[in-house]
Amino acid sequence: MKRLLALVLAGASWIPGLQADEQAAQTTDAAAATGDEMIDAAAMQALDRMGAYLRTLETFSVRAEDRIDEVLDSGQKIQLSARIDLQVRRPDRLHADIETDRRSREIYFNGKAFTLVAPTLGYYTSVPAPATIGEMLSMIETKYDVSFPLVDLFHWGTDPDAAAAINSAIVLGTSKIGGNMTDHYAFRQEGVDWQIWIAQGEAPLPLRYVITTMDEPEQPQYSADLTWDTQAEPADSTFTFTPTDKHHPIAIVVLDEAQAAN
């Protein structure tokens, strides 16, 4: 996973504010009593449950409202925003519309080809792709250095090394996001602090993420709020790009072996 998730910020509002601190302290004490000072089993189990549920979703759509800190050469942080609309039909169909403060992009995958479109400029590139979403995402990152938004939605619970990288996990309490009650968790691993809000009930969907990069002096954050439709049934045409006379094909640069290794 590229750094960790590929989402998140926008802290939850606590009522009253001291409740979260109190509950976090109780959770830490409970973890210490079991001989594991930093890892709360309930927080780790929540990640496992969420990942298992996400893998059951054969079709879905999700909108992410993104915010990311960018650090200027002067050291000043500015915040940029983005909106990502993702439609998925497993195992081999995916479409994304990405609107940021600076550019727009469209991504298509139909089980045969990966296509990246710059609609405002009228350029697109299309390359043959493996037959599954997971294989395609791996290929575009390692071969072309294309980072796909929300990539971790397809990886939760599939990487056995991911849990081992976590050195702190705590339960912070509950919060309401978009009318949904969620459980709030905080995790630490080398160079990264991150939080996640998971919906309560039978559909433990991630509704908010916060990621803080701790090994940079400015500690920039990346965040997203997610809105889900697990009943969505996108049509076949959603996943295939059909160029018009206003579109112009361009080549995509392939990383050499040294670049891919880094």
Protein backbone atom coordinates (compact mmCIF):
# COMPACT_ATOMS: atom_id res chain seq x y z
CA MET A 1 0.00 0.00 0.00
CA LYS A 2 1.35 3.41 -0.93
CA ARG A 3 2.19 4.85 2.45
CA LEU A 4 -0.95 3.42 4.03
CA LEU A 5 -4.39 4.36 2.83
CA ALA A 6 -4.83 7.05 0.13
CA LEU A 7 -7.46 9.07 1.79
CA VAL A 8 -8.22 11.35 4.79
CA LEU A 9 -8.43 14.32 7.48
CA ALA A 10 -11.38 16.31 9.04
CA GLY A 11 -11.43 15.34 12.74
CA ALA A 12 -14.63 14.20 14.40
CA SER A 13 -16.58 16.45 16.75
CA TRP A 14 -16.83 15.05 20.29
CA ILE A 15 -19.67 15.85 22.70
CA PRO A 16 -18.49 16.35 25.34
CA GLY A 17 -14.87 16.83 24.29
CA LEU A 18 -13.38 15.11 27.34
CA GLN A 19 -15.24 11.87 26.66
CA ALA A 20 -12.81 10.78 23.95
CA ASP A 21 -9.77 11.42 26.17
CA GLU A 22 -11.37 9.54 29.06
CA GLN A 23 -12.32 6.55 26.94
CA ALA A 24 -8.92 6.44 25.22
CA ALA A 25 -7.20 6.40 28.62
CA GLN A 26 -9.41 3.52 29.78
CA THR A 27 -8.68 1.60 26.57
CA THR A 28 -4.92 2.08 26.96
CA ASP A 29 -5.08 0.88 30.57
CA ALA A 30 -7.05 -2.21 29.48
CA ALA A 31 -4.47 -3.02 26.81
CA ALA A 32 -1.62 -2.59 29.28
CA ALA A 33 -3.34 -4.95 31.73
CA THR A 34 -3.10 -7.73 29.16
CA GLY A 35 0.62 -7.15 28.72
CA ASP A 36 0.21 -5.40 25.36
CA GLU A 37 0.66 -1.71 26.14
CA MET A 38 0.06 -0.33 22.68
CA ILE A 39 -2.21 -2.72 20.77
CA ASP A 40 -5.90 -2.92 21.64
CA ALA A 41 -7.29 -6.16 20.23
CA ALA A 42 -10.71 -4.55 19.66
CA ALA A 43 -9.19 -1.96 17.31
CA MET A 44 -7.36 -4.61 15.30
CA GLN A 45 -10.49 -6.78 15.12
CA ALA A 46 -12.44 -3.78 13.81
CA LEU A 47 -9.99 -3.47 10.90
CA ASP A 48 -10.31 -7.19 10.16
CA ARG A 49 -14.10 -7.00 10.22
CA MET A 50 -14.15 -3.96 7.94
CA GLY A 51 -11.77 -5.59 5.46
CA ALA A 52 -13.78 -8.80 5.39
CA TYR A 53 -16.98 -6.85 4.71
CA LEU A 54 -15.42 -4.77 1.93
CA ARG A 55 -14.32 -7.96 0.19
CA THR A 56 -17.94 -9.17 0.09
CA LEU A 57 -19.06 -6.19 -2.00
CA GLU A 58 -19.34 -7.28 -5.62
CA THR A 59 -20.70 -3.96 -6.88
CA PHE A 60 -20.69 -0.55 -5.24
CA SER A 61 -20.16 3.14 -5.74
CA VAL A 62 -18.46 5.50 -3.32
CA ARG A 63 -17.79 9.24 -3.27
CA ALA A 64 -14.76 10.58 -1.39
CA GLU A 65 -14.42 14.23 -0.41
CA ASP A 66 -10.66 14.60 -0.14
CA ARG A 67 -8.39 17.13 1.55
CA ILE A 68 -4.61 17.07 1.39
CA ASP A 69 -1.88 19.31 2.77
CA GLU A 70 0.77 20.40 0.31
CA VAL A 71 4.01 21.86 1.64
CA LEU A 72 5.45 24.78 -0.32
CA ASP A 73 9.20 25.31 -0.76
CA SER A 74 8.94 27.96 1.96
CA GLY A 75 7.65 25.34 4.41
CA GLN A 76 4.13 26.80 4.47
CA LYS A 77 1.30 24.29 4.30
CA ILE A 78 -1.68 24.83 2.01
CA GLN A 79 -4.74 22.61 1.72
CA LEU A 80 -6.08 21.27 -1.56
CA SER A 81 -9.36 19.45 -2.07
CA ALA A 82 -10.66 16.79 -4.42
CA ARG A 83 -13.78 14.80 -5.16
CA ILE A 84 -13.54 11.18 -6.28
CA ASP A 85 -16.50 9.19 -7.62
CA LEU A 86 -15.72 5.50 -7.89
CA GLN A 87 -17.86 2.74 -9.44
CA VAL A 88 -16.85 -0.89 -9.11
CA ARG A 89 -18.03 -4.27 -10.29
CA ARG A 90 -15.74 -7.04 -9.17
CA PRO A 91 -13.60 -8.69 -10.30
CA ASP A 92 -12.84 -6.76 -13.48
CA ARG A 93 -14.71 -3.46 -13.83
CA LEU A 94 -13.80 -0.06 -12.41
CA HIS A 95 -14.44 3.59 -13.25
CA ALA A 96 -13.31 6.74 -11.43
CA ASP A 97 -14.03 10.46 -11.93
CA ILE A 98 -11.51 12.66 -10.13
CA GLU A 99 -11.94 16.43 -9.72
CA THR A 100 -9.24 18.36 -7.88
CA ASP A 101 -8.49 22.05 -7.38
CA ARG A 102 -6.01 21.80 -10.25
CA ARG A 103 -7.13 19.13 -12.69
CA SER A 104 -9.72 16.53 -13.63
CA ARG A 105 -9.09 12.92 -14.61
CA GLU A 106 -11.15 9.88 -15.60
CA ILE A 107 -10.06 6.27 -15.20
CA TYR A 108 -11.60 3.28 -16.98
CA PHE A 109 -10.92 -0.43 -16.56
CA ASN A 110 -13.00 -3.11 -18.31
CA GLY A 111 -10.97 -6.25 -17.66
CA LYS A 112 -8.90 -5.76 -20.80
CA ALA A 113 -7.56 -2.19 -20.88
CA PHE A 114 -6.66 0.59 -18.45
CA THR A 115 -7.48 4.06 -19.79
CA LEU A 116 -6.53 7.41 -18.25
CA VAL A 117 -8.30 10.50 -19.61
CA ALA A 118 -7.65 14.23 -19.14
CA PRO A 119 -11.12 15.45 -20.24
CA THR A 120 -10.40 19.19 -20.11
CA LEU A 121 -7.28 18.85 -22.24
CA GLY A 122 -8.78 16.19 -24.49
CA TYR A 123 -5.91 13.71 -24.10
CA TYR A 124 -6.09 10.05 -23.18
CA THR A 125 -3.86 7.00 -22.94
CA SER A 126 -4.90 3.35 -22.99
CA VAL A 127 -2.80 0.25 -22.33
CA PRO A 128 -3.55 -3.49 -22.08
CA ALA A 129 -4.21 -4.55 -18.50
CA PRO A 130 -4.48 -7.76 -16.46
CA ALA A 131 -7.89 -9.32 -15.95
CA THR A 132 -8.63 -8.28 -12.35
CA ILE A 133 -8.83 -4.99 -10.49
CA GLY A 134 -6.12 -5.95 -8.02
CA GLU A 135 -3.68 -6.97 -10.73
CA MET A 136 -4.44 -3.84 -12.73
CA LEU A 137 -3.83 -1.54 -9.76
CA SER A 138 -0.51 -3.22 -9.06
CA MET A 139 0.54 -2.92 -12.70
CA ILE A 140 -0.23 0.78 -13.14
CA GLU A 141 1.68 1.65 -9.98
CA THR A 142 4.79 -0.45 -10.57
CA LYS A 143 5.00 -0.03 -14.34
CA TYR A 144 3.70 3.52 -14.85
CA ASP A 145 3.90 5.12 -11.37
CA VAL A 146 0.18 5.90 -11.41
CA SER A 147 -1.25 6.09 -7.88
CA PHE A 148 -4.92 5.13 -7.86
CA PRO A 149 -7.20 6.98 -5.39
CA LEU A 150 -8.86 4.87 -2.68
CA VAL A 151 -6.58 1.95 -3.58
CA ASP A 152 -6.70 0.60 -0.04
CA LEU A 153 -10.40 -0.23 -0.36
CA PHE A 154 -9.21 -3.16 -2.50
CA HIS A 155 -6.41 -4.26 -0.17
CA TRP A 156 -7.80 -4.22 3.35
CA GLY A 157 -7.14 -7.57 5.02
CA THR A 158 -5.24 -9.06 2.07
CA ASP A 159 -1.70 -8.09 3.15
CA PRO A 160 -0.50 -10.21 6.11
CA ASP A 161 2.35 -7.75 6.77
CA ALA A 162 0.05 -4.75 7.19
CA ALA A 163 -1.08 -5.64 10.71
CA ALA A 164 2.49 -6.38 11.78
CA ALA A 165 3.50 -2.83 10.83
CA ILE A 166 1.05 -1.33 13.36
CA ASN A 167 2.71 -0.58 16.70
CA SER A 168 -0.17 1.25 18.39
CA ALA A 169 -3.95 0.75 18.14
CA ILE A 170 -6.55 2.34 20.40
CA VAL A 171 -10.34 2.73 20.55
CA LEU A 172 -11.35 6.38 20.98
CA GLY A 173 -15.13 6.19 21.20
CA THR A 174 -18.09 6.96 18.97
CA SER A 175 -19.03 9.79 16.61
CA LYS A 176 -21.83 10.60 14.18
CA ILE A 177 -20.84 11.15 10.52
CA GLY A 178 -23.50 11.99 7.95
CA GLY A 179 -26.22 10.67 10.24
CA ASN A 180 -24.41 7.36 10.82
CA MET A 181 -23.00 6.26 14.15
CA THR A 182 -19.35 5.23 13.85
CA ASP A 183 -16.58 3.82 16.01
CA HIS A 184 -13.40 5.88 16.02
CA TYR A 185 -9.95 4.24 16.10
CA ALA A 186 -6.39 5.58 16.08
CA PHE A 187 -3.29 3.73 14.89
CA ARG A 188 0.43 4.38 14.68
CA GLN A 189 3.14 2.85 12.56
CA GLU A 190 6.57 3.97 11.50
CA GLY A 191 6.36 7.49 10.12
CA VAL A 192 2.54 7.62 10.08
CA ASP A 193 -0.31 8.32 12.51
CA TRP A 194 -3.75 7.50 11.17
CA GLN A 195 -7.37 7.40 12.27
CA ILE A 196 -10.44 5.70 10.90
CA TRP A 197 -14.17 6.00 11.62
CA ILE A 198 -16.06 2.76 10.87
CA ALA A 199 -19.85 2.55 10.64
CA GLN A 200 -21.58 0.60 13.37
CA GLY A 201 -23.95 -2.27 12.55
CA GLU A 202 -23.91 -5.00 9.94
CA ALA A 203 -22.18 -2.88 7.28
CA PRO A 204 -18.84 -1.77 8.81
CA LEU A 205 -17.91 0.67 6.07
CA PRO A 206 -15.10 3.21 6.49
CA LEU A 207 -16.70 6.66 6.57
CA ARG A 208 -13.71 8.86 7.40
CA TYR A 209 -9.93 8.60 7.41
CA VAL A 210 -7.18 10.86 8.72
CA ILE A 211 -3.51 10.27 7.89
CA THR A 212 -0.67 12.35 9.31
CA THR A 213 2.84 11.95 7.92
CA MET A 214 5.02 12.10 11.03
CA ASP A 215 8.47 11.71 9.49
CA GLU A 216 8.29 15.09 7.73
CA PRO A 217 8.83 18.29 9.75
CA GLU A 218 5.56 19.86 8.58
CA GLN A 219 3.51 16.74 9.38
CA PRO A 220 1.11 17.12 6.42
CA GLN A 221 -2.27 15.39 6.55
CA TYR A 222 -4.41 13.62 4.00
CA SER A 223 -8.10 13.01 4.58
CA ALA A 224 -11.43 11.94 3.12
CA ASP A 225 -15.07 11.49 4.03
CA LEU A 226 -16.75 8.62 2.20
CA THR A 227 -20.37 8.23 1.06
CA TRP A 228 -21.34 4.71 -0.04
CA ASP A 229 -23.98 3.07 -2.23
CA THR A 230 -23.64 -0.69 -1.85
CA GLN A 231 -26.72 -1.30 -4.04
CA ALA A 232 -25.30 0.41 -7.12
CA GLU A 233 -25.38 -1.58 -10.38
CA PRO A 234 -23.34 0.37 -12.96
CA ALA A 235 -23.88 -0.52 -16.61
CA ASP A 236 -21.19 -2.13 -18.77
CA SER A 237 -20.72 1.11 -20.71
CA THR A 238 -19.57 2.83 -17.51
CA PHE A 239 -16.24 0.99 -17.62
CA THR A 240 -15.16 1.52 -21.24
CA PHE A 241 -13.90 4.79 -22.68
CA THR A 242 -15.11 5.68 -26.16
CA PRO A 243 -13.06 8.53 -27.65
CA THR A 244 -14.61 11.19 -29.90
CA ASP A 245 -13.00 13.44 -32.49
CA LYS A 246 -12.19 15.84 -29.64
CA HIS A 247 -9.91 13.29 -27.94
CA HIS A 248 -6.26 12.74 -28.81
CA PRO A 249 -4.28 9.61 -27.85
CA ILE A 250 -0.88 10.02 -26.19
CA ALA A 251 1.70 7.53 -24.93
CA ILE A 252 2.26 6.79 -21.25
CA VAL A 253 5.82 6.65 -19.94
CA VAL A 254 7.01 3.26 -18.68
CA LEU A 255 9.29 3.28 -15.64
CA ASP A 256 12.68 1.70 -16.10
CA GLU A 257 13.72 -1.07 -13.69
CA ALA A 258 15.68 1.28 -11.42
CA GLN A 259 12.75 3.68 -11.07
CA ALA A 260 10.30 0.84 -10.42
CA ALA A 261 12.55 -0.51 -7.67
CA ASN A 262 12.46 2.85 -5.91
